[in-house]
Structure formats: C-alpha cells, structure tokens
C-alpha cells in the first residue's frame, strides 16, 4: 500500500496551517473511535468498510492495522470487504433508477 511515513509529516504540516481545525478533528476522531456502546474492534471494522467505499488508501492501512490490534481476524476483514462491495453495487443499482423514466 502507501507509505505512511510519507503521510504523517504532511499531516503535521497541514495541521500547523489550520491548528484549531486539526485539533478539533483529532478530538472527534479520538472520541468516535473509543470503546463505547460499540466495541473498538467493531468500530475499526466499520472504519475499514468506509475506507473501502471511499477508497482512501491511508485510512485502509491505518484502520486495518488498528482492527487487527483490536482483535479482528483476516476472515472478518474479508467479510467487511464483501459487505462494502455489496453496498457499493447496491448504490449503483439504486442510482440507476434515476435513469429510468
């Protein structure tokens, strides 16, 4: 995948140009991803599914690693992949209804 070592210095530079926004984003991310009503493992699997849908390579790498750290298996990651694929395909089909008069 992508080299995260190239990403993190750029995130720091970006954050310095908009520090209040970056601090708010970091706080939101931390709060959203903490254990809560939904356990961290499931939150990370959700994040992987969203990253597959948005096709963010950095998010994929980061959240795959965090999901594994939280106890996710490769079988769970494989299922998340197909759930994401099914939803993307379903979205294409339902948007296709806009083409029909």
C-alpha atoms as a PDB file:
ATOM      1  CA  UNK A   1       0.000   0.000   0.000  1.00  0.00           C
ATOM      2  CA  UNK A   2       1.079   3.578   0.588  1.00  0.00           C
ATOM      3  CA  UNK A   3       3.993   4.565   2.771  1.00  0.00           C
ATOM      4  CA  UNK A   4       2.566   6.059   5.936  1.00  0.00           C
ATOM      5  CA  UNK A   5       5.978   7.513   6.741  1.00  0.00           C
ATOM      6  CA  UNK A   6       5.342   9.963   3.894  1.00  0.00           C
ATOM      7  CA  UNK A   7       1.873  10.824   5.201  1.00  0.00           C
ATOM      8  CA  UNK A   8       2.484  11.739   8.819  1.00  0.00           C
ATOM      9  CA  UNK A   9       4.910  14.637   8.233  1.00  0.00           C
ATOM     10  CA  UNK A  10       2.417  16.099   5.775  1.00  0.00           C
ATOM     11  CA  UNK A  11      -0.382  15.790   8.328  1.00  0.00           C
ATOM     12  CA  UNK A  12       1.730  17.771  10.755  1.00  0.00           C
ATOM     13  CA  UNK A  13       2.336  20.476   8.158  1.00  0.00           C
ATOM     14  CA  UNK A  14      -1.367  20.583   7.321  1.00  0.00           C
ATOM     15  CA  UNK A  15      -2.271  20.839  10.987  1.00  0.00           C
ATOM     16  CA  UNK A  16       0.096  23.762  11.521  1.00  0.00           C
ATOM     17  CA  UNK A  17      -1.692  25.688   8.775  1.00  0.00           C
ATOM     18  CA  UNK A  18      -5.106  25.151  10.428  1.00  0.00           C
ATOM     19  CA  UNK A  19      -4.338  24.219  14.045  1.00  0.00           C
ATOM     20  CA  UNK A  20      -7.802  24.738  15.539  1.00  0.00           C
ATOM     21  CA  UNK A  21      -9.442  22.638  12.848  1.00  0.00           C
ATOM     22  CA  UNK A  22      -6.800  19.903  13.190  1.00  0.00           C
ATOM     23  CA  UNK A  23      -7.213  19.835  16.984  1.00  0.00           C
ATOM     24  CA  UNK A  24     -10.986  19.559  16.582  1.00  0.00           C
ATOM     25  CA  UNK A  25     -10.599  16.775  14.011  1.00  0.00           C
ATOM     26  CA  UNK A  26      -8.193  14.861  16.267  1.00  0.00           C
ATOM     27  CA  UNK A  27     -10.599  15.201  19.216  1.00  0.00           C
ATOM     28  CA  UNK A  28     -13.538  13.992  17.112  1.00  0.00           C
ATOM     29  CA  UNK A  29     -11.546  11.043  15.787  1.00  0.00           C
ATOM     30  CA  UNK A  30     -10.414  10.063  19.278  1.00  0.00           C
ATOM     31  CA  UNK A  31     -13.918  10.299  20.730  1.00  0.00           C
ATOM     32  CA  UNK A  32     -15.549   8.447  17.845  1.00  0.00           C
ATOM     33  CA  UNK A  33     -13.097   5.550  17.867  1.00  0.00           C
ATOM     34  CA  UNK A  34     -13.013   4.883  21.634  1.00  0.00           C
ATOM     35  CA  UNK A  35     -14.657   1.827  23.119  1.00  0.00           C
ATOM     36  CA  UNK A  36     -18.278   2.620  23.825  1.00  0.00           C
ATOM     37  CA  UNK A  37     -21.658   1.089  23.070  1.00  0.00           C
ATOM     38  CA  UNK A  38     -19.862  -0.293  20.009  1.00  0.00           C
ATOM     39  CA  UNK A  39     -16.588  -2.044  20.905  1.00  0.00           C
ATOM     40  CA  UNK A  40     -13.375  -0.670  19.353  1.00  0.00           C
ATOM     41  CA  UNK A  41     -12.902  -3.791  17.205  1.00  0.00           C
ATOM     42  CA  UNK A  42     -16.247  -3.228  15.513  1.00  0.00           C
ATOM     43  CA  UNK A  43     -15.608   0.489  15.112  1.00  0.00           C
ATOM     44  CA  UNK A  44     -12.344  -0.318  13.349  1.00  0.00           C
ATOM     45  CA  UNK A  45     -14.092  -2.851  11.098  1.00  0.00           C
ATOM     46  CA  UNK A  46     -16.687  -0.183  10.266  1.00  0.00           C
ATOM     47  CA  UNK A  47     -13.834   2.222   9.505  1.00  0.00           C
ATOM     48  CA  UNK A  48     -12.280  -0.346   7.153  1.00  0.00           C
ATOM     49  CA  UNK A  49     -15.628  -0.745   5.373  1.00  0.00           C
ATOM     50  CA  UNK A  50     -15.988   3.013   4.980  1.00  0.00           C
ATOM     51  CA  UNK A  51     -12.387   3.316   3.787  1.00  0.00           C
ATOM     52  CA  UNK A  52     -13.037   0.620   1.186  1.00  0.00           C
ATOM     53  CA  UNK A  53     -16.057   2.575  -0.002  1.00  0.00           C
ATOM     54  CA  UNK A  54     -14.284   5.957  -0.060  1.00  0.00           C
ATOM     55  CA  UNK A  55     -11.155   4.249  -1.413  1.00  0.00           C
ATOM     56  CA  UNK A  56      -8.811   6.056   0.975  1.00  0.00           C
ATOM     57  CA  UNK A  57      -5.524   4.106   0.936  1.00  0.00           C
ATOM     58  CA  UNK A  58      -4.218   5.768   4.077  1.00  0.00           C
ATOM     59  CA  UNK A  59      -7.424   5.042   6.009  1.00  0.00           C
ATOM     60  CA  UNK A  60      -7.330   1.447   4.782  1.00  0.00           C
ATOM     61  CA  UNK A  61      -3.825   0.912   6.075  1.00  0.00           C
ATOM     62  CA  UNK A  62      -4.348   2.716   9.377  1.00  0.00           C
ATOM     63  CA  UNK A  63      -7.695   1.113  10.217  1.00  0.00           C
ATOM     64  CA  UNK A  64      -6.680  -2.367   9.038  1.00  0.00           C
ATOM     65  CA  UNK A  65      -3.777  -2.256  11.486  1.00  0.00           C
ATOM     66  CA  UNK A  66      -5.964  -0.875  14.285  1.00  0.00           C
ATOM     67  CA  UNK A  67      -8.653  -3.502  13.593  1.00  0.00           C
ATOM     68  CA  UNK A  68      -6.078  -6.281  13.853  1.00  0.00           C
ATOM     69  CA  UNK A  69      -4.691  -4.741  17.063  1.00  0.00           C
ATOM     70  CA  UNK A  70      -8.261  -4.736  18.425  1.00  0.00           C
ATOM     71  CA  UNK A  71      -8.604  -8.452  17.651  1.00  0.00           C
ATOM     72  CA  UNK A  72     -10.083  -8.536  14.138  1.00  0.00           C
ATOM     73  CA  UNK A  73      -9.227 -11.563  12.022  1.00  0.00           C
ATOM     74  CA  UNK A  74      -8.423 -11.719   8.331  1.00  0.00           C
ATOM     75  CA  UNK A  75     -11.736 -13.547   7.865  1.00  0.00           C
ATOM     76  CA  UNK A  76     -13.556 -10.554   9.369  1.00  0.00           C
ATOM     77  CA  UNK A  77     -11.604  -8.182   7.126  1.00  0.00           C
ATOM     78  CA  UNK A  78     -12.553 -10.334   4.129  1.00  0.00           C
ATOM     79  CA  UNK A  79     -16.242 -10.192   5.085  1.00  0.00           C
ATOM     80  CA  UNK A  80     -16.040  -6.412   5.546  1.00  0.00           C
ATOM     81  CA  UNK A  81     -14.616  -6.223   2.022  1.00  0.00           C
ATOM     82  CA  UNK A  82     -17.623  -8.014   0.566  1.00  0.00           C
ATOM     83  CA  UNK A  83     -20.143  -6.062   2.648  1.00  0.00           C
ATOM     84  CA  UNK A  84     -18.571  -2.869   1.261  1.00  0.00           C
ATOM     85  CA  UNK A  85     -18.620  -4.253  -2.276  1.00  0.00           C
ATOM     86  CA  UNK A  86     -22.287  -5.227  -1.955  1.00  0.00           C
ATOM     87  CA  UNK A  87     -23.242  -1.767  -0.695  1.00  0.00           C
ATOM     88  CA  UNK A  88     -21.338  -0.031  -3.486  1.00  0.00           C
ATOM     89  CA  UNK A  89     -23.005  -2.274  -6.049  1.00  0.00           C
ATOM     90  CA  UNK A  90     -26.394  -1.685  -4.446  1.00  0.00           C
ATOM     91  CA  UNK A  91     -25.838   2.070  -4.606  1.00  0.00           C
ATOM     92  CA  UNK A  92     -25.077   1.831  -8.322  1.00  0.00           C
ATOM     93  CA  UNK A  93     -28.262  -0.150  -8.912  1.00  0.00           C
ATOM     94  CA  UNK A  94     -30.473   2.197  -6.902  1.00  0.00           C
ATOM     95  CA  UNK A  95     -28.925   5.253  -8.547  1.00  0.00           C
ATOM     96  CA  UNK A  96     -29.645   3.552 -11.853  1.00  0.00           C
ATOM     97  CA  UNK A  97     -33.338   4.051 -11.118  1.00  0.00           C
ATOM     98  CA  UNK A  98     -32.767   7.762 -11.766  1.00  0.00           C
ATOM     99  CA  UNK A  99     -32.016   6.862 -15.381  1.00  0.00           C
ATOM    100  CA  UNK A 100     -35.420   5.280 -15.944  1.00  0.00           C
ATOM    101  CA  UNK A 101     -38.414   7.447 -16.850  1.00  0.00           C
END
